[in-house]
Every structure is written in C-alpha cells, then in structure tokens.
Protein backbone atom coordinates (compact mmCIF):
# COMPACT_ATOMS: atom_id res chain seq x y z
CA UNK A 1 -44.08 5.37 94.40
CA UNK A 2 -46.27 5.37 91.85
CA UNK A 3 -47.64 2.43 90.62
CA UNK A 4 -47.00 3.64 87.04
CA UNK A 5 -43.27 4.27 87.26
CA UNK A 6 -43.02 0.80 88.52
CA UNK A 7 -44.20 -0.70 85.69
CA UNK A 8 -42.45 1.63 83.43
CA UNK A 9 -39.35 0.79 85.16
CA UNK A 10 -40.03 -3.45 85.13
CA UNK A 11 -41.08 -2.61 81.24
CA UNK A 12 -37.60 -1.27 80.57
CA UNK A 13 -35.58 -3.84 82.41
CA UNK A 14 -37.72 -5.97 80.62
CA UNK A 15 -38.03 -5.20 77.09
CA UNK A 16 -35.60 -2.73 75.98
CA UNK A 17 -32.68 -3.13 78.21
CA UNK A 18 -29.66 -5.57 76.28
CA UNK A 19 -29.74 -9.13 78.10
CA UNK A 20 -26.74 -8.77 80.31
CA UNK A 21 -26.25 -11.95 82.24
CA UNK A 22 -25.15 -14.14 79.63
CA UNK A 23 -22.84 -11.56 78.24
CA UNK A 24 -21.18 -11.53 81.23
CA UNK A 25 -20.98 -15.28 82.07
CA UNK A 26 -17.73 -15.30 79.49
CA UNK A 27 -15.10 -13.29 79.12
CA UNK A 28 -13.75 -13.83 75.49
CA UNK A 29 -10.39 -12.76 73.60
CA UNK A 30 -9.73 -11.26 71.08
CA UNK A 31 -12.91 -9.88 69.66
CA UNK A 32 -11.55 -9.20 66.25
CA UNK A 33 -8.87 -12.10 64.01
CA UNK A 34 -8.21 -10.04 60.95
CA UNK A 35 -5.84 -11.97 58.63
CA UNK A 36 -4.91 -12.65 55.11
CA UNK A 37 -4.12 -15.65 53.48
CA UNK A 38 -2.89 -17.77 50.34
CA UNK A 39 -4.35 -21.16 49.42
CA UNK A 40 -2.76 -23.96 51.06
CA UNK A 41 -1.97 -22.30 54.22
CA UNK A 42 -2.49 -23.05 57.56
CA UNK A 43 -3.17 -20.44 60.06
CA UNK A 44 -3.34 -21.04 64.10
CA UNK A 45 -4.67 -18.66 66.38
CA UNK A 46 -5.66 -19.27 70.16
CA UNK A 47 -9.15 -17.69 72.16
CA UNK A 48 -9.10 -17.16 75.14
CA UNK A 49 -12.08 -17.64 77.52
CA UNK A 50 -12.53 -16.50 81.27
CA UNK A 51 -15.41 -17.37 83.40
CA UNK A 52 -16.79 -14.47 84.79
CA UNK A 53 -18.46 -16.77 87.91
CA UNK A 54 -16.64 -16.70 90.72
CA UNK A 55 -19.22 -19.57 92.54
CA UNK A 56 -20.50 -21.80 89.03
CA UNK A 57 -18.93 -23.60 86.58
CA UNK A 58 -20.68 -23.26 82.70
CA UNK A 59 -20.72 -24.73 80.00
CA UNK A 60 -20.43 -23.05 76.52
CA UNK A 61 -20.19 -24.22 72.71
CA UNK A 62 -18.12 -22.86 69.72
CA UNK A 63 -20.17 -22.09 66.37
CA UNK A 64 -18.91 -21.07 63.13
CA UNK A 65 -21.70 -19.27 61.30
CA UNK A 66 -20.82 -17.14 57.89
CA UNK A 67 -21.38 -13.95 58.04
CA UNK A 68 -21.68 -10.62 56.00
CA UNK A 69 -21.18 -7.41 57.76
CA UNK A 70 -21.43 -4.26 56.09
CA UNK A 71 -19.01 -0.80 55.21
CA UNK A 72 -19.23 -0.31 58.81
CA UNK A 73 -18.46 -3.43 60.76
CA UNK A 74 -21.77 -4.21 61.65
CA UNK A 75 -22.92 -7.40 60.68
CA UNK A 76 -25.74 -7.94 58.37
CA UNK A 77 -26.20 -11.39 58.52
CA UNK A 78 -25.64 -15.56 59.46
CA UNK A 79 -25.26 -17.12 55.90
CA UNK A 80 -26.18 -21.04 55.35
CA UNK A 81 -23.64 -23.09 54.54
CA UNK A 82 -23.50 -24.40 51.00
CA UNK A 83 -21.45 -27.19 51.25
CA UNK A 84 -20.96 -28.17 47.03
CA UNK A 85 -18.52 -25.73 46.92
CA UNK A 86 -15.02 -26.00 49.46
CA UNK A 87 -13.53 -23.35 46.95
CA UNK A 88 -15.35 -20.44 48.33
CA UNK A 89 -16.47 -22.00 51.77
CA UNK A 90 -15.01 -20.31 54.63
CA UNK A 91 -16.59 -22.20 57.64
CA UNK A 92 -15.11 -25.42 55.61
CA UNK A 93 -11.67 -24.08 56.01
CA UNK A 94 -12.48 -23.63 59.82
CA UNK A 95 -10.87 -26.06 62.17
CA UNK A 96 -12.31 -25.94 65.69
CA UNK A 97 -13.28 -27.56 68.85
CA UNK A 98 -17.08 -28.77 68.23
CA UNK A 99 -16.78 -31.34 72.13
CA UNK A 100 -17.98 -29.36 75.57
CA UNK A 101 -16.19 -26.62 76.83
CA UNK A 102 -16.41 -26.71 80.89
CA UNK A 103 -14.81 -23.89 82.27
CA UNK A 104 -14.26 -23.60 86.43
CA UNK A 105 -15.40 -20.58 88.22
CA UNK A 106 -13.34 -18.09 87.54
CA UNK A 107 -11.20 -20.46 85.07
CA UNK A 108 -9.22 -19.48 81.52
CA UNK A 109 -9.02 -21.55 79.02
CA UNK A 110 -7.37 -21.33 76.24
CA UNK A 111 -8.98 -23.14 72.67
CA UNK A 112 -7.38 -23.25 69.22
CA UNK A 113 -8.24 -22.14 66.44
CA UNK A 114 -7.10 -23.35 63.10
CA UNK A 115 -7.45 -22.56 59.22
CA UNK A 116 -7.20 -24.52 56.68
CA UNK A 117 -7.15 -22.52 53.41
CA UNK A 118 -8.64 -24.55 50.14
CA UNK A 119 -5.84 -25.61 47.95
CA UNK A 120 -7.73 -23.85 44.91
CA UNK A 121 -9.78 -20.90 47.11
CA UNK A 122 -11.04 -18.20 45.83
CA UNK A 123 -9.77 -14.56 45.97
CA UNK A 124 -11.79 -12.02 48.58
CA UNK A 125 -12.38 -11.15 51.54
CA UNK A 126 -14.57 -13.55 54.01
CA UNK A 127 -16.31 -13.23 57.72
CA UNK A 128 -17.20 -15.83 60.12
CA UNK A 129 -18.47 -15.80 64.06
CA UNK A 130 -16.76 -17.88 66.09
CA UNK A 131 -19.95 -17.96 68.79
CA UNK A 132 -19.39 -19.39 72.04
CA UNK A 133 -22.32 -19.51 73.96
CA UNK A 134 -23.17 -20.82 77.33
CA UNK A 135 -26.16 -23.58 77.04
CA UNK A 136 -26.75 -26.91 78.26
CA UNK A 137 -27.55 -28.26 74.17
CA UNK A 138 -25.35 -27.79 71.13
CA UNK A 139 -28.59 -27.00 68.68
CA UNK A 140 -30.04 -24.57 71.90
CA UNK A 141 -26.24 -22.87 71.37
CA UNK A 142 -26.34 -23.04 67.62
CA UNK A 143 -30.14 -21.62 67.81
CA UNK A 144 -28.53 -18.94 70.03
CA UNK A 145 -25.67 -18.19 67.54
CA UNK A 146 -28.43 -17.85 64.61
CA UNK A 147 -30.48 -15.41 66.04
CA UNK A 148 -26.97 -12.96 66.61
CA UNK A 149 -27.69 -13.39 70.19
CA UNK A 150 -24.52 -14.70 71.35
CA UNK A 151 -20.83 -13.27 72.29
CA UNK A 152 -18.08 -14.76 69.96
CA UNK A 153 -14.83 -13.59 67.47
CA UNK A 154 -15.05 -11.90 64.65
CA UNK A 155 -12.52 -13.10 61.86
CA UNK A 156 -12.08 -11.38 58.93
CA UNK A 157 -10.03 -14.06 56.07
CA UNK A 158 -8.73 -11.56 52.61
CA UNK A 159 -8.24 -14.83 50.04
CA UNK A 160 -5.16 -13.24 48.28
CA UNK A 161 -5.76 -13.65 44.26
CA UNK A 162 -1.69 -15.34 43.09
CA UNK A 163 -2.60 -17.54 41.86
CA UNK A 164 -0.94 -18.04 38.40
CA UNK A 165 -1.81 -18.59 34.53
CA UNK A 166 0.88 -20.73 32.80
CA UNK A 167 0.79 -22.11 29.52
CA UNK A 168 3.54 -23.75 27.43
CA UNK A 169 3.42 -25.48 23.57
CA UNK A 170 4.00 -28.41 24.14
CA UNK A 171 3.57 -29.59 20.04
CA UNK A 172 3.57 -27.27 17.61
CA UNK A 173 2.84 -29.88 13.74
CA UNK A 174 2.81 -30.09 10.20
CA UNK A 175 3.45 -33.01 8.21
CA UNK A 176 6.81 -33.24 6.34
CA UNK A 177 5.12 -32.80 2.88
CA UNK A 178 1.59 -31.10 2.27
CA UNK A 179 -0.09 -33.66 -0.91
CA UNK A 180 -3.62 -33.10 -0.17
CA UNK A 181 -6.49 -31.99 1.97
CA UNK A 182 -5.75 -35.55 3.46
CA UNK A 183 -3.04 -33.93 5.26
CA UNK A 184 -3.63 -29.70 5.49
CA UNK A 185 -3.75 -30.20 9.51
CA UNK A 186 -2.28 -28.13 11.67
CA UNK A 187 -1.62 -29.28 15.76
CA UNK A 188 -0.68 -27.29 18.47
CA UNK A 189 -0.83 -28.97 21.38
CA UNK A 190 -0.64 -27.34 24.55
CA UNK A 191 -0.49 -27.99 28.48
CA UNK A 192 -1.17 -25.33 31.44
CA UNK A 193 1.37 -26.03 33.58
CA UNK A 194 -0.71 -22.67 36.52
CA UNK A 195 -3.61 -22.04 38.20
CA UNK A 196 -6.25 -20.38 36.14
CA UNK A 197 -8.14 -21.99 33.55
CA UNK A 198 -7.07 -19.69 30.28
CA UNK A 199 -8.33 -19.57 27.12
CA UNK A 200 -5.20 -18.90 23.95
CA UNK A 201 -5.72 -16.74 21.29
CA UNK A 202 -3.52 -15.88 18.33
CA UNK A 203 -2.56 -16.91 14.50
CA UNK A 204 -0.42 -18.74 12.39
CA UNK A 205 1.35 -16.37 9.66
CA UNK A 206 3.67 -19.16 6.61
CA UNK A 207 6.26 -17.37 4.86
CA UNK A 208 7.85 -18.66 1.62
CA UNK A 209 11.63 -19.37 1.03
CA UNK A 210 12.15 -15.35 -0.29
CA UNK A 211 10.82 -14.70 3.30
CA UNK A 212 7.45 -12.73 1.86
CA UNK A 213 4.37 -13.48 3.84
CA UNK A 214 1.35 -15.77 2.02
CA UNK A 215 -0.83 -16.79 4.51
CA UNK A 216 -2.31 -16.70 8.09
CA UNK A 217 -5.42 -18.41 10.07
CA UNK A 218 -6.24 -17.78 12.95
CA UNK A 219 -6.33 -19.95 16.30
CA UNK A 220 -8.45 -21.27 19.34
CA UNK A 221 -11.41 -18.86 17.38
CA UNK A 222 -14.11 -21.20 19.37
CA UNK A 223 -12.54 -19.60 22.36
CA UNK A 224 -11.37 -23.28 24.19
CA UNK A 225 -10.36 -23.01 27.39
CA UNK A 226 -7.38 -25.33 28.96
CA UNK A 227 -8.34 -26.24 32.99
CA UNK A 228 -5.27 -26.50 35.33
CA UNK A 229 -2.66 -28.96 35.02
CA UNK A 230 -4.96 -30.06 31.74
CA UNK A 231 -3.68 -31.02 27.64
CA UNK A 232 -4.70 -30.13 24.56
CA UNK A 233 -4.61 -30.20 20.82
CA UNK A 234 -5.92 -27.16 19.38
CA UNK A 235 -6.78 -28.43 14.80
CA UNK A 236 -6.54 -25.45 12.47
CA UNK A 237 -6.73 -26.52 8.36
CA UNK A 238 -3.52 -24.77 6.36
CA UNK A 239 -4.94 -21.89 4.11
CA UNK A 240 -1.89 -23.01 1.42
CA UNK A 241 -3.95 -23.99 -2.16
CA UNK A 242 -2.21 -25.19 -5.37
CA UNK A 243 1.67 -23.72 -3.95
CA UNK A 244 3.87 -25.43 -4.67
CA UNK A 245 7.38 -25.01 -2.53
CA UNK A 246 8.96 -24.68 1.15
CA UNK A 247 7.37 -22.89 3.92
CA UNK A 248 8.14 -21.76 7.44
CA UNK A 249 5.41 -21.84 10.14
CA UNK A 250 5.65 -18.96 12.71
CA UNK A 251 3.12 -19.98 15.51
CA UNK A 252 1.96 -16.58 17.64
CA UNK A 253 -0.19 -17.04 20.70
CA UNK A 254 -1.28 -14.83 23.93
CA UNK A 255 -3.34 -15.50 26.32
CA UNK A 256 -3.84 -13.97 30.16
CA UNK A 257 -7.72 -12.52 31.44
CA UNK A 258 -5.26 -9.79 33.32
CA UNK A 259 -1.72 -10.08 32.25
CA UNK A 260 -1.32 -10.78 28.54
CA UNK A 261 2.12 -13.22 27.91
CA UNK A 262 3.58 -14.45 24.90
CA UNK A 263 4.28 -18.27 23.53
CA UNK A 264 5.42 -19.20 19.64
CA UNK A 265 7.47 -21.23 17.82
CA UNK A 266 8.31 -21.91 14.53
CA UNK A 267 8.45 -25.16 11.95
CA UNK A 268 8.95 -25.62 8.67
CA UNK A 269 7.24 -27.47 5.50
CA UNK A 270 7.00 -28.74 2.00
CA UNK A 271 4.11 -28.56 -0.30
CA UNK A 272 3.53 -30.62 -3.07
CA UNK A 273 -0.48 -30.25 -4.22
CA UNK A 274 -1.75 -34.18 -5.78
CA UNK A 275 -2.29 -32.36 -9.55
CA UNK A 276 0.88 -30.39 -9.66
CA UNK A 277 2.85 -34.01 -9.19
CA UNK A 278 0.53 -35.40 -11.26
CA UNK A 279 1.01 -32.99 -14.20
CA UNK A 280 5.02 -33.66 -13.07
CA UNK A 281 4.44 -37.26 -12.98
CA UNK A 282 2.91 -36.86 -17.18
CA UNK A 283 5.58 -34.54 -18.41
CA UNK A 284 8.25 -36.67 -16.90
CA UNK A 285 6.40 -39.85 -18.60
CA UNK A 286 6.24 -37.93 -21.46
CA UNK A 287 9.28 -36.75 -21.52
CA UNK A 288 11.08 -40.22 -20.94
CA UNK A 289 8.90 -42.19 -24.09
CA UNK A 290 9.86 -38.92 -26.03
CA UNK A 291 14.31 -39.71 -25.42
CA UNK A 292 14.04 -43.21 -25.58
CA UNK A 293 12.54 -43.17 -29.37
CA UNK A 294 15.69 -40.90 -29.74
CA UNK A 295 18.33 -42.84 -28.46
CA UNK A 296 16.61 -45.72 -30.30
CA UNK A 297 16.97 -43.47 -34.22
CA UNK A 298 19.80 -42.04 -33.05
CA UNK A 299 21.94 -45.34 -32.00
CA UNK A 300 20.21 -48.96 -32.66
CA UNK A 301 18.80 -48.36 -36.49
CA UNK A 302 22.91 -46.55 -37.17
CA UNK A 303 24.15 -50.00 -35.97
CA UNK A 304 21.44 -52.20 -37.78
CA UNK A 305 22.56 -50.02 -41.27
CA UNK A 306 26.57 -51.23 -41.15
CA UNK A 307 25.76 -54.53 -40.23
CA UNK A 308 23.73 -55.27 -43.06
CA UNK A 309 26.19 -53.24 -45.58
CA UNK A 310 26.38 -55.33 -48.62
CA UNK A 311 30.29 -54.86 -50.26
CA UNK A 312 30.12 -53.59 -54.22
CA UNK A 313 32.13 -56.94 -56.22
CA UNK A 314 33.48 -55.74 -59.55
CA UNK A 315 33.06 -58.88 -62.44
CA UNK A 316 35.32 -58.38 -65.67
CA UNK A 317 34.67 -60.48 -68.96
CA UNK A 318 38.40 -59.87 -69.59
CA UNK A 319 41.79 -60.30 -67.89
CA UNK A 320 43.65 -57.18 -67.31
CA UNK A 321 47.14 -56.68 -66.98
CA UNK A 322 46.85 -54.69 -64.13
CA UNK A 323 43.42 -55.79 -61.78
CA UNK A 324 42.78 -54.01 -59.53
CA UNK A 325 43.04 -55.08 -55.88
CA UNK A 326 39.05 -55.32 -55.45
CA UNK A 327 38.64 -56.93 -59.22
CA UNK A 328 38.31 -60.79 -59.46
CA UNK A 329 39.95 -62.58 -62.39
CA UNK A 330 36.67 -65.12 -63.67
CA UNK A 331 38.91 -65.80 -66.94
CA UNK A 332 41.33 -68.36 -66.44
CA UNK A 333 43.70 -69.80 -69.30
CA UNK A 334 42.21 -72.79 -71.27
CA UNK A 335 45.11 -75.40 -72.03
CA UNK A 336 46.50 -76.40 -76.06
CA UNK A 337 44.51 -79.88 -76.69
CA UNK A 338 47.33 -81.39 -79.32
CA UNK A 339 45.88 -82.35 -82.22
C-alpha cells in the first residue's frame, strides 16, 4: 500500500469517523420520551441500560442537562441551569439517580425516572438531555455530556396552560348616610381564588330613586394587580356633589387575560350634603321659634286677658222701686227720731 494512502486512512479513522467505542458500550432505550403534564403532576418512566460488553464491567453516570432543540429536532446547545426560579427550571423537576450505575458484562438494568412538575410551573415546551456516560468519575462524565459527546435520552416535556383565573367580590360598601367628604369612600374588596394574577377594571354606576343614571366612576385606573390567593381593597370617591336623596350603586367589573369574565354587586345609600343639612336645621329652628311665638300670642295672652277682666258695677243715688239684679242700692231708710 502506498505510504500516502496509509496515512490518509489513518487520518480518516482518527479524526473523521465518529467515536463509536463509547456508543457501543451502553445501549440506551428509549431514545425519546415525550410527555404532556400540568402543574403538580408526577410522572414516572423507566430507562433501560444494557452493557454491550460480554467480558467487561462498566461504570455509568447519569447526567441531566436542559437543552434547546431546533425545528429539525437537532440539539442546538446545552443550557446552564438557573435555580433561582424553579417555576421554569425543568432540570429541578427531574429525579434520577445521581449515583454510580454499575453494569456487569451483558447486564441490563432499569433506571427509574420521575418528573415532579412545580406547583406554579410556567406553561411551555421544555427539553432535557439525560446522558448516560461510561466514566470513572462524575465530573468527567458531566464534562463529556456538556460537550455533546454522550449518548442518552431526549426528554420533551410540554406543560399545559391550564391555570385558572378567578376573582370574587368579597365586599362592596358605601356609608349608609353620606354627609360630607370624610365618608365619601367607595370600598371594593376583591379576592383572587385562582392560580393567575388578575387586573380587574370596570366602573360604579349611580342611579337616583327614579332609576335614572346620575353619575359613574371608573375602578382601578391604576391597574392594581391581584396576586393568586391575595385579597385587596380598591378605594374610589363618590362623584355626587350636593345632591340630596336615596341612591343605588351598581358595581360592574371585568377581568381575564385570555377570556374575559364579569363581576357585579349592588348597594344603597343616602346622600345628605352637610351644607344642605345646616340650611334645613336653621329653617327648622326658625320655624319652631315662629310657631312658639304665634302660640303664645294666640293662647297665653288671651287667657291673661280673661283673668284680669273688670266687673262693671252700677251705682245709683236713689232707690228704684224696681232695681236691676245687678244694681246695688246704697240708700238706707233713716229711723225717725221722736221729737
């Protein structure tokens, strides 16, 4: 064989042909695990490892790495895990033995795999590479896996977006009697009973005793968010100025990022403006004084006149043979004195 041809064959064998020695050491099944899960789900699967050597014992280490996959299914890169947010760190959901897996010549072992989805896992599609590397030390096995030189299983996990968004009105109140600026607050208590944060919006519409709409006020113009499990109180101001009467307040809210939902409540109150109440009080006081004065003039003074009325007496100097019943006779008969 010519020398140049021999050198070329050695070069191809050494640098061009893939390293099939490690690939032939362990047979791994399955090649792909495709699962769809929801938050809080627990999924168990089994991976089978077979020692391809008939005369040699091997030591295998399992590695777990998040990867990004292209549209053609090819691994693009290995992603360094970030454990600060476990809601989207898929490697923290994977449970598999981190110890040494020893395989006797020709031996087959089943390695259990458990997926515990985070209670608040973010929806989306995740990819994990479960590498099984024949090495003597774990750091060496992990280095081989990170270089993309290991054989293993690709795990595709799709977390469905089945979280619910639910709000409820736990309180809607206005003071029963509104008399001034100090008690013109509208208090709206909202409780989030779902798994997603919500930003409610809407308005409060006011009607008078005739059922006519007289005013309205928007709710949550600042865009306050209600976190899951939280309860907040939104406060607005009454838009009624110097209007006396009984009113009905209708609360209408909407929430939901993808599908809108409605909330409603009603309450009643009386508006008693303080300025008008002062005028009414002064008017009642004046009317009371006037009635008192008229009463005294009509009854008390007339009674006093009757008690002080003089009786007219008729007095005559001479005696009348027929005196009136009311006359008084002042004359007397003189006695005759004997001479």
